[in-house]
Amino acid sequence: MDPVTLTTDRLVLRTVGAQDTDAVYDACQDPEIQRWTTIPSPYLREHARSFTEQFVPDGWANGSMFTFGVFLHSGELAGMLSITMRALGMGEIGFWAAKQHRANGYVTEAALTACRWAFTHAAVDRVEWRATVGNRASRAVAERAGFTIEGTLRSATNNKGVRQDTWVGSLLPSDLGLPSTAPYLPAR
């Protein structure tokens, strides 16, 4: 799939490339991003270069991961968001916000925008959100975006060699008033 650009009143969601390597590298020096995500730690410039020049383009090309840089209209990187395809019609969302852009609602806005796109253009019928138990900022974004928190998965995340319990939630097209590509029969 070719990368797409999505816009809101405040944001531009677009793929990242070599021109964004320094901004990604700088943002990922934040200890909170390294703590709560599975990016390498320490995060080196070659990690950022590999991410922007190989990992992101490959994900779009083979349809396995749709990664968006979350940019302000000024061009400043406010965060990163991806939807990774985990099964037929099911993606998993991941995101982080640059330290100076937290608590502005940018990631929530980006998550809703990306999920709407996935539901209407990528044949996704379920987006899962997962975060290590204790990552309250990520959980707050998911809840504000309308995700239903479904529970805790024991030992579900391996982050830098340590197994951790993980919260899991989901967003369905119907949660946003959109149709699904396949019929949904909820349990009674």
N, C-alpha and C. Protein backbone atom coordinates (compact mmCIF):
# COMPACT_ATOMS: atom_id res chain seq x y z
N MET A 1 0.85 -1.18 0.00
CA MET A 1 0.00 0.00 0.00
C MET A 1 0.89 1.24 0.00
N ASP A 2 0.48 2.22 -0.74
CA ASP A 2 1.21 3.49 -0.73
C ASP A 2 0.86 4.26 0.54
N PRO A 3 1.85 4.95 1.13
CA PRO A 3 1.56 5.76 2.31
C PRO A 3 0.50 6.81 2.02
N VAL A 4 -0.29 7.13 3.04
CA VAL A 4 -1.31 8.17 2.92
C VAL A 4 -1.00 9.27 3.92
N THR A 5 -1.55 10.43 3.64
CA THR A 5 -1.46 11.56 4.56
C THR A 5 -2.86 11.89 5.02
N LEU A 6 -3.02 12.03 6.33
CA LEU A 6 -4.31 12.38 6.93
C LEU A 6 -4.16 13.72 7.63
N THR A 7 -5.19 14.54 7.58
CA THR A 7 -5.11 15.84 8.23
C THR A 7 -6.31 16.07 9.14
N THR A 8 -6.08 16.85 10.18
CA THR A 8 -7.13 17.34 11.05
C THR A 8 -6.95 18.85 11.15
N ASP A 9 -7.77 19.49 11.93
CA ASP A 9 -7.62 20.94 12.09
C ASP A 9 -6.28 21.31 12.68
N ARG A 10 -5.70 20.41 13.50
CA ARG A 10 -4.45 20.73 14.18
C ARG A 10 -3.25 19.92 13.74
N LEU A 11 -3.48 18.81 13.02
CA LEU A 11 -2.40 17.86 12.78
C LEU A 11 -2.31 17.41 11.33
N VAL A 12 -1.11 16.96 10.98
CA VAL A 12 -0.87 16.25 9.73
C VAL A 12 -0.26 14.91 10.13
N LEU A 13 -0.91 13.83 9.72
CA LEU A 13 -0.38 12.48 9.95
C LEU A 13 0.17 12.01 8.62
N ARG A 14 1.47 11.78 8.58
CA ARG A 14 2.12 11.35 7.34
C ARG A 14 3.24 10.38 7.67
N THR A 15 3.65 9.64 6.66
CA THR A 15 4.77 8.74 6.86
C THR A 15 6.02 9.55 7.18
N VAL A 16 6.98 8.91 7.77
CA VAL A 16 8.26 9.56 8.06
C VAL A 16 9.31 9.01 7.11
N GLY A 17 10.34 9.81 6.89
CA GLY A 17 11.44 9.42 6.02
C GLY A 17 12.74 9.98 6.54
N ALA A 18 13.76 9.94 5.71
CA ALA A 18 15.10 10.37 6.11
C ALA A 18 15.10 11.79 6.67
N GLN A 19 14.23 12.66 6.15
CA GLN A 19 14.18 14.05 6.61
C GLN A 19 13.71 14.16 8.06
N ASP A 20 13.13 13.09 8.60
CA ASP A 20 12.59 13.11 9.97
C ASP A 20 13.46 12.35 10.97
N THR A 21 14.58 11.81 10.50
CA THR A 21 15.42 10.98 11.37
C THR A 21 15.87 11.75 12.61
N ASP A 22 16.34 12.97 12.46
CA ASP A 22 16.82 13.73 13.62
C ASP A 22 15.70 14.00 14.62
N ALA A 23 14.51 14.34 14.13
CA ALA A 23 13.38 14.62 15.04
C ALA A 23 12.97 13.35 15.80
N VAL A 24 12.96 12.21 15.11
CA VAL A 24 12.63 10.94 15.78
C VAL A 24 13.70 10.61 16.81
N TYR A 25 14.95 10.74 16.43
CA TYR A 25 16.05 10.47 17.36
C TYR A 25 15.95 11.36 18.60
N ASP A 26 15.75 12.65 18.40
CA ASP A 26 15.66 13.58 19.53
C ASP A 26 14.50 13.23 20.45
N ALA A 27 13.33 12.96 19.89
CA ALA A 27 12.17 12.64 20.72
C ALA A 27 12.38 11.36 21.51
N CYS A 28 13.03 10.38 20.91
CA CYS A 28 13.22 9.08 21.56
C CYS A 28 14.33 9.07 22.60
N GLN A 29 14.95 10.21 22.85
CA GLN A 29 15.89 10.31 23.96
C GLN A 29 15.15 10.45 25.29
N ASP A 30 13.87 10.73 25.23
CA ASP A 30 13.04 10.88 26.43
C ASP A 30 12.99 9.56 27.19
N PRO A 31 13.39 9.55 28.46
CA PRO A 31 13.36 8.31 29.25
C PRO A 31 11.97 7.69 29.36
N GLU A 32 10.91 8.48 29.31
CA GLU A 32 9.55 7.93 29.39
C GLU A 32 9.19 7.14 28.14
N ILE A 33 9.60 7.61 26.97
CA ILE A 33 9.35 6.86 25.75
C ILE A 33 10.13 5.55 25.80
N GLN A 34 11.38 5.61 26.23
CA GLN A 34 12.18 4.38 26.32
C GLN A 34 11.62 3.43 27.38
N ARG A 35 11.07 3.97 28.45
CA ARG A 35 10.53 3.13 29.52
C ARG A 35 9.28 2.36 29.08
N TRP A 36 8.36 3.06 28.43
CA TRP A 36 7.04 2.48 28.17
C TRP A 36 6.88 1.83 26.81
N THR A 37 7.82 2.03 25.91
CA THR A 37 7.72 1.41 24.59
C THR A 37 8.83 0.37 24.43
N THR A 38 8.76 -0.38 23.36
CA THR A 38 9.75 -1.42 23.13
C THR A 38 10.89 -0.95 22.22
N ILE A 39 11.06 0.36 22.07
CA ILE A 39 12.19 0.85 21.29
C ILE A 39 13.49 0.49 22.03
N PRO A 40 14.59 0.40 21.29
CA PRO A 40 15.87 0.10 21.96
C PRO A 40 16.24 1.19 22.97
N SER A 41 16.95 0.77 23.99
CA SER A 41 17.45 1.71 25.01
C SER A 41 18.85 1.26 25.39
N PRO A 42 19.85 2.09 25.16
CA PRO A 42 19.75 3.46 24.66
C PRO A 42 19.32 3.49 23.19
N TYR A 43 18.67 4.59 22.82
CA TYR A 43 18.18 4.78 21.47
C TYR A 43 19.24 5.57 20.70
N LEU A 44 19.82 4.92 19.70
CA LEU A 44 20.93 5.50 18.95
C LEU A 44 20.44 6.09 17.63
N ARG A 45 21.27 6.95 17.07
CA ARG A 45 20.92 7.58 15.79
C ARG A 45 20.68 6.54 14.70
N GLU A 46 21.43 5.43 14.72
CA GLU A 46 21.21 4.39 13.70
C GLU A 46 19.87 3.70 13.88
N HIS A 47 19.34 3.67 15.11
CA HIS A 47 17.99 3.14 15.32
C HIS A 47 16.97 4.03 14.62
N ALA A 48 17.12 5.33 14.80
CA ALA A 48 16.19 6.28 14.16
C ALA A 48 16.30 6.19 12.64
N ARG A 49 17.52 6.09 12.13
CA ARG A 49 17.72 6.01 10.68
C ARG A 49 17.09 4.73 10.13
N SER A 50 17.30 3.62 10.77
CA SER A 50 16.70 2.36 10.34
C SER A 50 15.17 2.44 10.37
N PHE A 51 14.63 3.07 11.41
CA PHE A 51 13.19 3.23 11.55
C PHE A 51 12.62 4.05 10.41
N THR A 52 13.19 5.24 10.17
CA THR A 52 12.61 6.15 9.18
C THR A 52 12.90 5.74 7.73
N GLU A 53 14.04 5.09 7.49
CA GLU A 53 14.44 4.80 6.12
C GLU A 53 14.16 3.37 5.68
N GLN A 54 13.92 2.45 6.63
CA GLN A 54 13.68 1.06 6.23
C GLN A 54 12.40 0.49 6.84
N PHE A 55 12.30 0.54 8.16
CA PHE A 55 11.19 -0.10 8.87
C PHE A 55 9.84 0.48 8.45
N VAL A 56 9.71 1.81 8.47
CA VAL A 56 8.44 2.45 8.11
C VAL A 56 8.08 2.23 6.64
N PRO A 57 9.00 2.50 5.69
CA PRO A 57 8.63 2.26 4.29
C PRO A 57 8.30 0.79 4.00
N ASP A 58 9.04 -0.14 4.62
CA ASP A 58 8.75 -1.56 4.40
C ASP A 58 7.36 -1.93 4.91
N GLY A 59 6.96 -1.39 6.07
CA GLY A 59 5.63 -1.68 6.62
C GLY A 59 4.51 -1.22 5.70
N TRP A 60 4.67 -0.03 5.13
CA TRP A 60 3.67 0.46 4.17
C TRP A 60 3.68 -0.40 2.91
N ALA A 61 4.87 -0.72 2.41
CA ALA A 61 4.98 -1.45 1.15
C ALA A 61 4.34 -2.83 1.22
N ASN A 62 4.51 -3.53 2.35
CA ASN A 62 3.96 -4.88 2.43
C ASN A 62 2.64 -4.95 3.19
N GLY A 63 2.13 -3.80 3.63
CA GLY A 63 0.83 -3.74 4.29
C GLY A 63 0.81 -4.31 5.69
N SER A 64 1.98 -4.44 6.32
CA SER A 64 2.04 -5.02 7.66
C SER A 64 1.95 -3.99 8.77
N MET A 65 2.33 -2.74 8.48
CA MET A 65 2.32 -1.69 9.51
C MET A 65 2.15 -0.33 8.85
N PHE A 66 1.18 0.41 9.35
CA PHE A 66 0.90 1.74 8.82
C PHE A 66 1.35 2.75 9.87
N THR A 67 2.51 3.36 9.62
CA THR A 67 3.12 4.26 10.59
C THR A 67 2.96 5.70 10.14
N PHE A 68 2.51 6.52 11.08
CA PHE A 68 2.31 7.95 10.83
C PHE A 68 3.13 8.76 11.82
N GLY A 69 3.89 9.71 11.30
CA GLY A 69 4.41 10.75 12.17
C GLY A 69 3.26 11.70 12.45
N VAL A 70 3.13 12.14 13.68
CA VAL A 70 2.07 13.07 14.07
C VAL A 70 2.72 14.45 14.12
N PHE A 71 2.39 15.28 13.14
CA PHE A 71 3.03 16.58 13.01
C PHE A 71 2.03 17.71 13.23
N LEU A 72 2.49 18.77 13.85
CA LEU A 72 1.71 20.00 13.90
C LEU A 72 1.75 20.61 12.49
N HIS A 73 0.83 21.49 12.19
CA HIS A 73 0.83 22.13 10.87
C HIS A 73 2.11 22.92 10.62
N SER A 74 2.81 23.31 11.69
CA SER A 74 4.09 24.01 11.56
C SER A 74 5.20 23.08 11.08
N GLY A 75 4.95 21.77 11.10
CA GLY A 75 5.96 20.80 10.68
C GLY A 75 6.69 20.13 11.83
N GLU A 76 6.42 20.55 13.06
CA GLU A 76 7.09 19.98 14.23
C GLU A 76 6.50 18.61 14.58
N LEU A 77 7.40 17.66 14.86
CA LEU A 77 6.97 16.31 15.24
C LEU A 77 6.39 16.33 16.65
N ALA A 78 5.12 15.94 16.76
CA ALA A 78 4.44 15.90 18.07
C ALA A 78 4.35 14.49 18.62
N GLY A 79 4.50 13.49 17.75
CA GLY A 79 4.41 12.11 18.21
C GLY A 79 4.52 11.13 17.05
N MET A 80 4.29 9.87 17.39
CA MET A 80 4.36 8.80 16.40
C MET A 80 3.23 7.83 16.70
N LEU A 81 2.67 7.26 15.65
CA LEU A 81 1.56 6.33 15.79
C LEU A 81 1.66 5.28 14.70
N SER A 82 1.37 4.04 15.05
CA SER A 82 1.33 3.00 14.02
C SER A 82 0.19 2.04 14.30
N ILE A 83 -0.31 1.45 13.24
CA ILE A 83 -1.27 0.36 13.34
C ILE A 83 -0.60 -0.83 12.66
N THR A 84 -0.30 -1.84 13.47
CA THR A 84 0.37 -3.05 13.00
C THR A 84 -0.69 -4.12 12.77
N MET A 85 -0.70 -4.72 11.61
CA MET A 85 -1.67 -5.77 11.31
C MET A 85 -1.25 -7.04 12.03
N ARG A 86 -2.14 -7.55 12.89
CA ARG A 86 -1.84 -8.74 13.69
C ARG A 86 -2.58 -9.98 13.19
N ALA A 87 -3.70 -9.81 12.53
CA ALA A 87 -4.50 -10.91 11.99
C ALA A 87 -5.42 -10.30 10.93
N LEU A 88 -6.13 -11.15 10.23
CA LEU A 88 -7.04 -10.67 9.20
C LEU A 88 -8.07 -9.72 9.82
N GLY A 89 -8.06 -8.48 9.37
CA GLY A 89 -9.01 -7.48 9.85
C GLY A 89 -8.74 -6.94 11.23
N MET A 90 -7.58 -7.27 11.83
CA MET A 90 -7.28 -6.81 13.19
C MET A 90 -5.89 -6.17 13.25
N GLY A 91 -5.87 -4.92 13.72
CA GLY A 91 -4.62 -4.20 13.88
C GLY A 91 -4.40 -3.83 15.33
N GLU A 92 -3.15 -3.58 15.66
CA GLU A 92 -2.79 -3.12 17.01
C GLU A 92 -2.18 -1.74 16.90
N ILE A 93 -2.72 -0.80 17.67
CA ILE A 93 -2.23 0.57 17.65
C ILE A 93 -1.15 0.77 18.71
N GLY A 94 -0.16 1.52 18.35
CA GLY A 94 0.89 1.94 19.28
C GLY A 94 1.19 3.40 19.03
N PHE A 95 1.59 4.11 20.06
CA PHE A 95 1.84 5.54 19.90
C PHE A 95 2.73 6.07 21.01
N TRP A 96 3.34 7.21 20.75
CA TRP A 96 4.01 7.99 21.78
C TRP A 96 3.89 9.46 21.41
N ALA A 97 4.02 10.29 22.44
CA ALA A 97 3.99 11.75 22.25
C ALA A 97 5.35 12.32 22.64
N ALA A 98 5.84 13.26 21.85
CA ALA A 98 7.07 13.97 22.21
C ALA A 98 6.81 14.73 23.51
N LYS A 99 7.81 14.74 24.35
CA LYS A 99 7.67 15.29 25.71
C LYS A 99 7.00 16.66 25.74
N GLN A 100 7.42 17.56 24.88
CA GLN A 100 6.91 18.94 24.90
C GLN A 100 5.49 19.06 24.34
N HIS A 101 4.96 17.95 23.80
CA HIS A 101 3.62 18.00 23.20
C HIS A 101 2.60 17.12 23.91
N ARG A 102 2.93 16.70 25.11
CA ARG A 102 1.99 15.88 25.87
C ARG A 102 0.91 16.76 26.49
N ALA A 103 -0.23 16.14 26.77
CA ALA A 103 -1.36 16.77 27.45
C ALA A 103 -2.05 17.83 26.59
N ASN A 104 -1.91 17.73 25.27
CA ASN A 104 -2.61 18.63 24.35
C ASN A 104 -3.68 17.92 23.55
N GLY A 105 -3.83 16.62 23.77
CA GLY A 105 -4.82 15.85 23.03
C GLY A 105 -4.40 15.46 21.62
N TYR A 106 -3.15 15.72 21.26
CA TYR A 106 -2.71 15.42 19.90
C TYR A 106 -2.75 13.92 19.59
N VAL A 107 -2.28 13.10 20.52
CA VAL A 107 -2.22 11.66 20.24
C VAL A 107 -3.62 11.06 20.20
N THR A 108 -4.51 11.53 21.07
CA THR A 108 -5.90 11.07 21.01
C THR A 108 -6.52 11.41 19.66
N GLU A 109 -6.32 12.63 19.22
CA GLU A 109 -6.84 13.08 17.92
C GLU A 109 -6.24 12.25 16.78
N ALA A 110 -4.94 11.99 16.87
CA ALA A 110 -4.27 11.19 15.84
C ALA A 110 -4.78 9.75 15.86
N ALA A 111 -4.98 9.18 17.04
CA ALA A 111 -5.46 7.80 17.15
C ALA A 111 -6.84 7.67 16.52
N LEU A 112 -7.72 8.58 16.83
CA LEU A 112 -9.07 8.53 16.23
C LEU A 112 -9.01 8.69 14.71
N THR A 113 -8.18 9.58 14.24
CA THR A 113 -8.05 9.81 12.80
C THR A 113 -7.50 8.57 12.10
N ALA A 114 -6.46 7.97 12.66
CA ALA A 114 -5.85 6.79 12.07
C ALA A 114 -6.81 5.59 12.12
N CYS A 115 -7.54 5.45 13.22
CA CYS A 115 -8.48 4.33 13.32
C CYS A 115 -9.62 4.49 12.32
N ARG A 116 -10.15 5.71 12.17
CA ARG A 116 -11.19 5.93 11.15
C ARG A 116 -10.68 5.54 9.77
N TRP A 117 -9.46 5.94 9.47
CA TRP A 117 -8.87 5.59 8.18
C TRP A 117 -8.75 4.07 8.05
N ALA A 118 -8.24 3.39 9.08
CA ALA A 118 -8.07 1.93 9.03
C ALA A 118 -9.41 1.22 8.83
N PHE A 119 -10.46 1.72 9.50
CA PHE A 119 -11.78 1.10 9.37
C PHE A 119 -12.37 1.31 7.98
N THR A 120 -12.10 2.45 7.37
CA THR A 120 -12.74 2.77 6.10
C THR A 120 -11.87 2.49 4.87
N HIS A 121 -10.55 2.34 5.04
CA HIS A 121 -9.67 2.17 3.89
C HIS A 121 -8.73 0.97 3.95
N ALA A 122 -8.62 0.33 5.10
CA ALA A 122 -7.66 -0.77 5.23
C ALA A 122 -8.32 -2.08 5.66
N ALA A 123 -9.65 -2.17 5.56
CA ALA A 123 -10.40 -3.39 5.87
C ALA A 123 -10.13 -3.89 7.29
N VAL A 124 -9.96 -2.97 8.23
CA VAL A 124 -9.75 -3.32 9.63
C VAL A 124 -11.11 -3.27 10.34
N ASP A 125 -11.41 -4.31 11.11
CA ASP A 125 -12.67 -4.37 11.88
C ASP A 125 -12.44 -4.33 13.38
N ARG A 126 -11.20 -4.32 13.82
CA ARG A 126 -10.88 -4.25 15.25
C ARG A 126 -9.47 -3.67 15.38
N VAL A 127 -9.35 -2.65 16.22
CA VAL A 127 -8.03 -2.12 16.56
C VAL A 127 -7.83 -2.39 18.04
N GLU A 128 -6.76 -3.10 18.36
CA GLU A 128 -6.42 -3.35 19.75
C GLU A 128 -5.39 -2.34 20.21
N TRP A 129 -5.51 -1.97 21.48
CA TRP A 129 -4.52 -1.14 22.15
C TRP A 129 -3.96 -1.98 23.29
N ARG A 130 -2.67 -1.93 23.45
CA ARG A 130 -2.01 -2.63 24.56
C ARG A 130 -0.99 -1.69 25.18
N ALA A 131 -0.86 -1.78 26.49
CA ALA A 131 0.17 -1.01 27.20
C ALA A 131 0.53 -1.74 28.47
N THR A 132 1.78 -1.61 28.84
CA THR A 132 2.23 -2.19 30.10
C THR A 132 1.40 -1.63 31.24
N VAL A 133 0.98 -2.52 32.13
CA VAL A 133 0.21 -2.08 33.31
C VAL A 133 1.03 -0.99 34.03
N GLY A 134 0.37 0.10 34.31
CA GLY A 134 1.02 1.25 34.94
C GLY A 134 1.22 2.42 34.00
N ASN A 135 1.15 2.19 32.69
CA ASN A 135 1.32 3.28 31.73
C ASN A 135 0.00 4.04 31.63
N ARG A 136 -0.25 4.85 32.62
CA ARG A 136 -1.53 5.55 32.75
C ARG A 136 -1.75 6.58 31.64
N ALA A 137 -0.68 7.18 31.14
CA ALA A 137 -0.83 8.16 30.06
C ALA A 137 -1.35 7.48 28.80
N SER A 138 -0.82 6.32 28.46
CA SER A 138 -1.29 5.59 27.29
C SER A 138 -2.74 5.15 27.48
N ARG A 139 -3.04 4.68 28.68
CA ARG A 139 -4.42 4.24 28.94
C ARG A 139 -5.39 5.42 28.83
N ALA A 140 -4.99 6.59 29.31
CA ALA A 140 -5.86 7.76 29.22
C ALA A 140 -6.14 8.13 27.76
N VAL A 141 -5.12 8.04 26.90
CA VAL A 141 -5.32 8.31 25.47
C VAL A 141 -6.31 7.31 24.90
N ALA A 142 -6.11 6.03 25.20
CA ALA A 142 -7.01 4.99 24.67
C ALA A 142 -8.44 5.22 25.13
N GLU A 143 -8.62 5.52 26.39
CA GLU A 143 -9.98 5.74 26.90
C GLU A 143 -10.62 6.97 26.28
N ARG A 144 -9.86 8.06 26.13
CA ARG A 144 -10.40 9.27 25.50
C ARG A 144 -10.75 9.03 24.04
N ALA A 145 -10.02 8.12 23.40
CA ALA A 145 -10.30 7.80 21.99
C ALA A 145 -11.47 6.83 21.85
N GLY A 146 -12.00 6.32 22.96
CA GLY A 146 -13.17 5.47 22.91
C GLY A 146 -12.90 3.98 22.99
N PHE A 147 -11.67 3.59 23.24
CA PHE A 147 -11.35 2.17 23.38
C PHE A 147 -12.03 1.61 24.62
N THR A 148 -12.54 0.39 24.51
CA THR A 148 -13.10 -0.34 25.64
C THR A 148 -11.97 -1.14 26.27
N ILE A 149 -11.70 -0.90 27.54
CA ILE A 149 -10.65 -1.64 28.23
C ILE A 149 -11.22 -3.03 28.54
N GLU A 150 -10.54 -4.04 28.06
CA GLU A 150 -11.06 -5.41 28.16
C GLU A 150 -10.40 -6.24 29.24
N GLY A 151 -9.28 -5.80 29.77
CA GLY A 151 -8.67 -6.57 30.84
C GLY A 151 -7.17 -6.46 30.89
N THR A 152 -6.58 -7.41 31.63
CA THR A 152 -5.14 -7.47 31.81
C THR A 152 -4.66 -8.84 31.35
N LEU A 153 -3.65 -8.84 30.51
CA LEU A 153 -3.02 -10.06 30.03
C LEU A 153 -1.75 -10.29 30.84
N ARG A 154 -1.65 -11.43 31.48
CA ARG A 154 -0.48 -11.71 32.30
C ARG A 154 0.74 -11.99 31.42
N SER A 155 1.86 -11.40 31.77
CA SER A 155 3.15 -11.67 31.13
C SER A 155 3.08 -11.55 29.60
N ALA A 156 2.32 -10.58 29.10
CA ALA A 156 2.05 -10.50 27.67
C ALA A 156 3.05 -9.66 26.88
N THR A 157 3.85 -8.87 27.56
CA THR A 157 4.81 -8.01 26.87
C THR A 157 6.22 -8.33 27.35
N ASN A 158 7.12 -8.46 26.40
CA ASN A 158 8.53 -8.57 26.72
C ASN A 158 9.17 -7.25 26.34
N ASN A 159 9.51 -6.45 27.33
CA ASN A 159 10.10 -5.14 27.09
C ASN A 159 11.52 -5.15 27.64
N LYS A 160 12.48 -5.19 26.71
CA LYS A 160 13.89 -5.17 27.04
C LYS A 160 14.28 -6.34 27.96
N GLY A 161 13.70 -7.50 27.65
CA GLY A 161 14.06 -8.72 28.36
C GLY A 161 13.28 -8.99 29.64
N VAL A 162 12.29 -8.16 29.93
CA VAL A 162 11.48 -8.34 31.15
C VAL A 162 10.03 -8.57 30.73
N ARG A 163 9.44 -9.66 31.22
CA ARG A 163 8.03 -9.95 30.94
C ARG A 163 7.17 -9.11 31.88
N GLN A 164 6.13 -8.48 31.30
CA GLN A 164 5.26 -7.60 32.08
C GLN A 164 3.81 -7.85 31.74
N ASP A 165 2.95 -7.59 32.72
CA ASP A 165 1.51 -7.65 32.49
C ASP A 165 1.10 -6.47 31.61
N THR A 166 0.04 -6.69 30.83
CA THR A 166 -0.35 -5.73 29.81
C THR A 166 -1.86 -5.49 29.84
N TRP A 167 -2.23 -4.22 29.82
CA TRP A 167 -3.64 -3.87 29.64
C TRP A 167 -3.96 -4.06 28.16
N VAL A 168 -5.22 -4.42 27.88
CA VAL A 168 -5.66 -4.55 26.50
C VAL A 168 -7.05 -3.92 26.36
N GLY A 169 -7.26 -3.26 25.24
CA GLY A 169 -8.55 -2.67 24.93
C GLY A 169 -8.79 -2.74 23.44
N SER A 170 -10.00 -2.40 23.03
CA SER A 170 -10.30 -2.45 21.60
C SER A 170 -11.21 -1.31 21.19
N LEU A 171 -11.13 -1.01 19.92
CA LEU A 171 -12.02 -0.05 19.28
C LEU A 171 -12.56 -0.75 18.03
N LEU A 172 -13.87 -0.70 17.86
CA LEU A 172 -14.53 -1.30 16.71
C LEU A 172 -15.12 -0.21 15.83
N PRO A 173 -15.33 -0.48 14.55
CA PRO A 173 -15.95 0.53 13.69
C PRO A 173 -17.27 1.05 14.26
N SER A 174 -18.07 0.16 14.83
CA SER A 174 -19.37 0.58 15.38
C SER A 174 -19.21 1.58 16.52
N ASP A 175 -18.07 1.56 17.22
CA ASP A 175 -17.83 2.54 18.28
C ASP A 175 -17.74 3.96 17.73
N LEU A 176 -17.42 4.06 16.44
CA LEU A 176 -17.32 5.36 15.77
C LEU A 176 -18.46 5.58 14.79
N GLY A 177 -19.49 4.71 14.86
CA GLY A 177 -20.63 4.85 13.97
C GLY A 177 -20.34 4.42 12.55
N LEU A 178 -19.34 3.56 12.37
CA LEU A 178 -18.95 3.11 11.03
C LEU A 178 -19.33 1.64 10.85
N PRO A 179 -19.56 1.22 9.61
CA PRO A 179 -19.87 -0.18 9.36
C PRO A 179 -18.60 -1.04 9.40
N SER A 180 -18.77 -2.32 9.69
CA SER A 180 -17.68 -3.29 9.63
C SER A 180 -17.64 -3.91 8.25
N THR A 181 -16.49 -4.46 7.89
CA THR A 181 -16.40 -5.17 6.62
C THR A 181 -16.97 -6.58 6.73
N ALA A 182 -17.01 -7.11 7.96
CA ALA A 182 -17.59 -8.44 8.22
C ALA A 182 -18.64 -8.30 9.29
N PRO A 183 -19.69 -9.12 9.26
CA PRO A 183 -20.71 -9.04 10.30
C PRO A 183 -20.13 -9.35 11.67
N TYR A 184 -20.64 -8.69 12.69
CA TYR A 184 -20.19 -8.91 14.07
C TYR A 184 -21.37 -9.44 14.87
N LEU A 185 -21.16 -10.58 15.50
CA LEU A 185 -22.18 -11.20 16.32
C LEU A 185 -21.67 -11.23 17.76
N PRO A 186 -22.02 -10.21 18.56
CA PRO A 186 -21.53 -10.17 19.95
C PRO A 186 -22.12 -11.31 20.78
N ALA A 187 -21.34 -11.74 21.77
CA ALA A 187 -21.82 -12.79 22.69
C ALA A 187 -22.98 -12.21 23.51
N ARG A 188 -23.90 -13.07 23.86
CA ARG A 188 -25.05 -12.62 24.65
C ARG A 188 -24.82 -12.86 26.10
